[in-house]
């Protein structure tokens, strides 16, 4: 009976040691980091946006799980949990180079003269990069999640022309470029260019690879084909 109790005690000790070892290994394999960016939201008002994340050496990946916005050194304006805004439902984003800030883009995304910011949400196998976008809201004095911009892949914001250009590769031989302008505070699709690579018969009846561009424009509230170019 005594031997049995000792055996159980020794087993319990080994289990505790094993759990502690696993916990330490997990902690050692995760490196946390904090990056800070400064955004000017008015002539004399600077905010510090702090991005907290972690690197996971075991999978060579990493990302952000929390964003904090400060005014001055200690005045916390807001906290954004990635789990609450990530369209893919993950607690972390996926960075191309964790801890470098290369996936943080600060620019004016609604053309109001104030910089906003966006971060890469995840890394897809192809070139269609999704972002999580935040716009500065003057009324609330906070950055708000702009879900309507998250739907655009690899967006470019042309502040001079006040246009948003979104490129998307649908397949190996079909590419789409969508062009938007703001209308009542929301992006409105005004033009789409679809580029397809097709094998078609030429004038001699032989199959040839052609680039076919179909342009659609917003006319009277509907997207209509305005041109087809083949070369």
Protein backbone atom coordinates (compact mmCIF):
# COMPACT_ATOMS: atom_id res chain seq x y z
CA UNK A 1 0.00 0.00 0.00
CA UNK A 2 2.84 2.33 0.92
CA UNK A 3 4.68 1.47 -2.30
CA UNK A 4 1.52 2.21 -4.29
CA UNK A 5 1.19 5.68 -2.70
CA UNK A 6 4.85 6.43 -3.37
CA UNK A 7 4.45 5.30 -6.99
CA UNK A 8 1.45 7.61 -7.47
CA UNK A 9 3.32 10.51 -5.86
CA UNK A 10 6.34 10.01 -8.12
CA UNK A 11 4.04 9.82 -11.19
CA UNK A 12 2.33 13.06 -10.18
CA UNK A 13 5.70 14.78 -9.73
CA UNK A 14 6.81 13.66 -13.20
CA UNK A 15 3.56 14.95 -14.72
CA UNK A 16 4.01 18.37 -13.06
CA UNK A 17 7.62 18.58 -14.26
CA UNK A 18 6.55 17.64 -17.77
CA UNK A 19 3.82 20.32 -17.83
CA UNK A 20 6.22 22.97 -16.55
CA UNK A 21 8.78 21.98 -19.19
CA UNK A 22 6.19 22.20 -21.97
CA UNK A 23 5.04 25.61 -20.70
CA UNK A 24 8.57 26.93 -20.63
CA UNK A 25 9.22 25.58 -24.13
CA UNK A 26 6.08 27.26 -25.45
CA UNK A 27 7.02 30.56 -23.82
CA UNK A 28 10.54 30.30 -25.21
CA UNK A 29 9.21 29.63 -28.73
CA UNK A 30 7.04 32.77 -28.73
CA UNK A 31 8.72 36.17 -28.91
CA UNK A 32 6.47 39.17 -28.26
CA UNK A 33 7.13 42.60 -29.75
CA UNK A 34 5.71 46.12 -29.79
CA UNK A 35 5.94 48.59 -32.68
CA UNK A 36 4.95 52.25 -32.49
CA UNK A 37 3.87 54.62 -35.27
CA UNK A 38 3.01 58.30 -35.05
CA UNK A 39 -0.02 59.73 -36.85
CA UNK A 40 -0.90 63.43 -37.01
CA UNK A 41 -4.67 63.87 -36.84
CA UNK A 42 -4.67 67.68 -36.68
CA UNK A 43 -2.16 70.54 -36.89
CA UNK A 44 -0.86 70.09 -33.36
CA UNK A 45 -2.23 66.72 -32.36
CA UNK A 46 0.01 63.68 -32.63
CA UNK A 47 -1.13 60.20 -31.70
CA UNK A 48 1.03 57.15 -31.06
CA UNK A 49 -0.36 53.90 -32.44
CA UNK A 50 1.15 50.90 -30.69
CA UNK A 51 1.02 47.50 -32.37
CA UNK A 52 1.53 44.48 -30.10
CA UNK A 53 2.27 41.07 -31.54
CA UNK A 54 4.29 37.90 -31.41
CA UNK A 55 6.69 35.82 -33.48
CA UNK A 56 6.33 32.07 -33.66
CA UNK A 57 9.74 30.66 -34.65
CA UNK A 58 8.41 27.11 -34.88
CA UNK A 59 6.23 28.09 -37.84
CA UNK A 60 8.29 31.07 -39.04
CA UNK A 61 5.19 33.24 -38.71
CA UNK A 62 3.81 35.98 -36.52
CA UNK A 63 1.43 38.87 -36.35
CA UNK A 64 -0.46 41.43 -34.27
CA UNK A 65 -3.13 40.71 -31.72
CA UNK A 66 -3.70 44.17 -30.22
CA UNK A 67 -3.50 47.85 -31.21
CA UNK A 68 -3.45 50.70 -28.67
CA UNK A 69 -3.77 54.39 -29.47
CA UNK A 70 -2.17 56.92 -27.11
CA UNK A 71 -2.22 60.69 -26.91
CA UNK A 72 0.91 61.85 -25.17
CA UNK A 73 2.85 59.32 -23.13
CA UNK A 74 0.17 57.80 -20.94
CA UNK A 75 -3.29 58.84 -22.15
CA UNK A 76 -4.84 55.72 -23.70
CA UNK A 77 -7.53 56.69 -26.22
CA UNK A 78 -8.57 53.26 -27.44
CA UNK A 79 -7.69 49.58 -27.62
CA UNK A 80 -8.39 47.44 -30.67
CA UNK A 81 -8.38 43.66 -30.34
CA UNK A 82 -7.56 41.98 -33.65
CA UNK A 83 -9.92 39.11 -32.82
CA UNK A 84 -12.81 41.63 -32.96
CA UNK A 85 -11.98 42.99 -36.43
CA UNK A 86 -10.15 40.22 -38.28
CA UNK A 87 -12.39 39.09 -41.18
CA UNK A 88 -10.73 35.67 -41.07
CA UNK A 89 -11.66 35.14 -37.42
CA UNK A 90 -8.11 34.70 -36.14
CA UNK A 91 -6.74 36.22 -32.94
CA UNK A 92 -3.57 37.31 -34.79
CA UNK A 93 -2.85 38.77 -38.18
CA UNK A 94 -0.18 37.14 -40.34
CA UNK A 95 2.80 39.40 -41.09
CA UNK A 96 5.18 39.03 -44.03
CA UNK A 97 8.08 39.99 -41.74
CA UNK A 98 6.92 39.82 -38.10
CA UNK A 99 8.19 42.65 -35.94
CA UNK A 100 9.47 44.87 -38.78
CA UNK A 101 6.32 46.91 -39.40
CA UNK A 102 6.56 46.30 -43.15
CA UNK A 103 2.87 45.39 -43.22
CA UNK A 104 1.68 48.64 -41.61
CA UNK A 105 0.66 51.33 -44.11
CA UNK A 106 -0.17 54.86 -42.98
CA UNK A 107 -1.91 57.06 -45.54
CA UNK A 108 -5.07 59.04 -46.16
CA UNK A 109 -7.60 56.41 -47.25
CA UNK A 110 -10.76 58.55 -47.31
CA UNK A 111 -9.16 61.69 -48.77
CA UNK A 112 -10.09 64.00 -45.88
CA UNK A 113 -6.52 65.23 -45.42
CA UNK A 114 -5.86 63.08 -42.32
CA UNK A 115 -3.76 59.93 -42.33
CA UNK A 116 -5.40 56.61 -41.53
CA UNK A 117 -3.77 53.19 -41.31
CA UNK A 118 -4.16 49.59 -42.42
CA UNK A 119 -2.38 46.31 -41.71
CA UNK A 120 -2.03 43.09 -43.67
CA UNK A 121 -4.66 40.65 -42.39
CA UNK A 122 -3.05 37.48 -43.69
CA UNK A 123 -0.70 36.20 -46.36
CA UNK A 124 -2.52 34.38 -49.17
CA UNK A 125 -0.73 32.01 -51.58
CA UNK A 126 -1.36 34.48 -54.43
CA UNK A 127 -1.00 38.25 -54.88
CA UNK A 128 -4.44 39.20 -53.54
CA UNK A 129 -3.42 40.74 -50.21
CA UNK A 130 -6.26 41.51 -47.77
CA UNK A 131 -5.99 44.34 -45.25
CA UNK A 132 -7.72 45.45 -42.07
CA UNK A 133 -8.38 49.19 -42.48
CA UNK A 134 -8.95 51.93 -39.91
CA UNK A 135 -10.11 55.48 -40.62
CA UNK A 136 -9.79 58.44 -38.28
CA UNK A 137 -13.24 59.58 -37.19
CA UNK A 138 -13.33 63.24 -36.18
CA UNK A 139 -16.63 62.96 -34.32
CA UNK A 140 -15.66 60.12 -32.00
CA UNK A 141 -11.98 61.08 -31.88
CA UNK A 142 -11.02 57.46 -32.55
CA UNK A 143 -9.95 55.17 -35.36
CA UNK A 144 -12.89 53.15 -36.66
CA UNK A 145 -12.75 49.84 -38.48
CA UNK A 146 -13.65 50.43 -42.14
CA UNK A 147 -15.00 47.02 -43.13
CA UNK A 148 -16.03 48.32 -46.56
CA UNK A 149 -12.33 48.81 -47.38
CA UNK A 150 -11.35 45.35 -46.07
CA UNK A 151 -13.19 43.82 -49.04
CA UNK A 152 -10.69 45.35 -51.47
CA UNK A 153 -7.56 43.35 -52.24
CA UNK A 154 -4.21 45.12 -52.70
CA UNK A 155 -5.79 48.61 -52.70
CA UNK A 156 -4.03 51.74 -53.93
CA UNK A 157 -5.27 55.14 -52.76
CA UNK A 158 -4.74 57.94 -55.27
CA UNK A 159 -5.23 61.09 -53.19
CA UNK A 160 -4.66 63.37 -56.18
CA UNK A 161 -7.41 61.81 -58.29
CA UNK A 162 -9.37 60.75 -55.19
CA UNK A 163 -9.73 57.22 -56.52
CA UNK A 164 -9.20 53.76 -55.03
CA UNK A 165 -7.76 51.06 -57.27
CA UNK A 166 -8.07 47.40 -56.29
CA UNK A 167 -6.31 44.64 -58.22
CA UNK A 168 -7.40 41.03 -58.02
CA UNK A 169 -6.14 37.85 -59.67
CA UNK A 170 -9.12 35.55 -60.09
CA UNK A 171 -7.13 32.75 -61.74
CA UNK A 172 -3.93 32.16 -63.68
CA UNK A 173 -5.43 33.80 -66.77
CA UNK A 174 -7.99 36.30 -65.41
CA UNK A 175 -7.10 39.60 -63.72
CA UNK A 176 -9.50 42.29 -62.54
CA UNK A 177 -8.91 45.94 -61.74
CA UNK A 178 -11.71 47.79 -59.94
CA UNK A 179 -11.76 51.58 -59.62
CA UNK A 180 -13.79 53.31 -56.92
CA UNK A 181 -14.62 56.85 -55.87
CA UNK A 182 -16.24 57.95 -52.63
CA UNK A 183 -19.94 58.72 -52.66
CA UNK A 184 -21.70 59.62 -49.39
CA UNK A 185 -18.74 58.33 -47.41
CA UNK A 186 -18.63 54.91 -49.10
CA UNK A 187 -16.60 53.64 -52.07
CA UNK A 188 -18.64 53.44 -55.26
CA UNK A 189 -17.47 51.15 -58.08
CA UNK A 190 -17.21 53.26 -61.23
CA UNK A 191 -15.04 51.17 -63.54
CA UNK A 192 -13.86 47.58 -63.95
CA UNK A 193 -11.23 46.29 -66.34
CA UNK A 194 -11.13 42.50 -66.81
CA UNK A 195 -8.02 41.14 -68.48
CA UNK A 196 -8.23 37.58 -69.81
CA UNK A 197 -5.68 35.46 -71.64
CA UNK A 198 -7.49 33.24 -74.15
CA UNK A 199 -6.59 30.96 -77.01
CA UNK A 200 -8.65 32.13 -79.97
CA UNK A 201 -8.53 31.51 -83.70
CA UNK A 202 -6.76 34.17 -85.74
CA UNK A 203 -7.60 35.28 -89.30
CA UNK A 204 -5.99 32.11 -90.64
CA UNK A 205 -7.95 29.82 -88.35
CA UNK A 206 -4.97 29.02 -86.14
CA UNK A 207 -5.14 29.11 -82.37
CA UNK A 208 -3.29 32.02 -80.85
CA UNK A 209 -2.98 33.35 -77.31
CA UNK A 210 -4.68 36.74 -77.03
CA UNK A 211 -4.96 39.32 -74.28
CA UNK A 212 -8.57 40.44 -74.10
CA UNK A 213 -9.47 43.50 -72.05
CA UNK A 214 -13.11 44.20 -71.26
CA UNK A 215 -13.92 47.59 -69.75
CA UNK A 216 -17.11 48.27 -67.83
CA UNK A 217 -18.17 51.68 -66.54
CA UNK A 218 -20.91 52.95 -64.27
CA UNK A 219 -23.55 54.49 -66.53
CA UNK A 220 -27.00 55.50 -65.27
CA UNK A 221 -26.48 53.48 -62.12
CA UNK A 222 -25.43 50.26 -63.89
CA UNK A 223 -22.10 48.74 -64.91
CA UNK A 224 -22.08 48.56 -68.72
CA UNK A 225 -19.49 47.27 -71.19
CA UNK A 226 -17.89 50.25 -72.90
CA UNK A 227 -15.09 48.54 -74.76
CA UNK A 228 -13.36 45.27 -75.63
CA UNK A 229 -9.73 45.29 -76.75
CA UNK A 230 -7.96 42.23 -78.16
CA UNK A 231 -4.26 42.03 -78.89
